[in-house]
């Protein structure tokens, strides 16, 4: 496995060097804006005094800069509204007696984007162009030739970056929908003191119908079944049309949507957001160039291709075991089949750092250091080492969280030291990963947790095949 030498906290400069924004953002002004916004968030996270409000505000600025590069600054408005409702959820879900709490999903999406891009850029730095295209199942696009009024085409790296931005920054946008019952419960805890009761908020979809959703999930299922195989010089994904009406994937995603699972909802909302921006002429750069007469081309070569691929990845990331049977809802994801879906699940599950949890009015985080990563690539095999660090001040809360996990098992265990707490918390992360992705010789993962002294208190190579 790839190893890391130092136990010191990783610097903002080191992370920015690993991200390599200049490989993906060609315009100097846009690159500087994104780089500057990202630096501010990372510096705030690395500061000794944690300022959650400042972190949220700077993350929103980063989202605006990043999506602004793609002429979609309107997306930042959705995230602004997301932050507002998230602040309500921190209070409404806090329940001291039952241990209820809400944990951050807004800054979490930023951290997921950063972690995954570090891996993507690291891999691109170790392979040639053909290997890079094969790894992430992309080609240099050629959308100008099909009649779209873009000033230039994305190369394979820029296309991967665009896909990862779509996937990572939108993957939890619908989490409030999944928490609607808790909103009613939270309000009820207050109003019942005065003899009132609040029922669960009622949600209805005013702009979508069943036929539209059927087409959407069928499209995702076709892309899934073809395993992202490219056609037409890389401009399209092949579609598996065999027995598509009986596709398990389409039915599974449809059921997840019906039960308000945030992955299925987030993927759909992402696609509809991009569609709306260009269909309604909200794009400053292309409002006079993409109209009704060429929107069909945009739909065919953009929405039904990379946007749909991103929506599929988002939709798959929450699927796990069925509660009734214990069987998986979907076959665990392999990196060589669905690389960006795999990276989303990996980044999402590992992202316990800098994740604010509202168990109290002040809230807390398990650990605040961005992890170090070390990666090697040889003969199409990837070895990834991820190292987290825990400082002395965080140990008390870390142990409390381990006990919270154990209490749900009703086994009577009491955790009193940080080493045992690490086995519980990091072990839980490992268990979640092997339920969703395949980790073996093709993609090896080792995670470890160190104290600020440098002492390792948890270390494990995660292997799907050898899990008990």
Foldseek 3Di string as FASTA:
>chain_A
DFDDDDPDFDDLVVLLVLLPLCVAQVDPVLSVQLSVLSSQLRVQLPDPDHDPVSNLVSLLSNLQSVVVSVLQSVVSVLLVVLVVVVVVQQQLQQDLVVLTWDWDDQVLLVQLLSVLSSVLSVVPVADDPVVNCLLQVAAFADLVVVPAPDPDTGGRVNLVNVLSCLQRNQLQSLVVQLCQQSNQVSVQVPCVVVPDHGGGDDDDDDPDDPVVLLVLLLLLLQQLVQLSHADPRRQAGGGDPPVSVVRLRSVLLVVCVVSSPRLSVSLVVSLVSVLCCQAVLVRPVCSVPRYPVCVVSCCVRPSSGSSSLSSSLSSQLPWFADPVPRHTSDDAAESSRNVSSLSSNVSSLPPQAPMFMSNDVVTDGLHRGSWDWDWDADPLAIEIETEAEHEPVNQVVLQVVLVVQVVVVVPPDHDDGSLVSCCRSVVVSLVSSLRHHAADRRYKYKYWYYYSVRHTSDIDIRGNVPDD
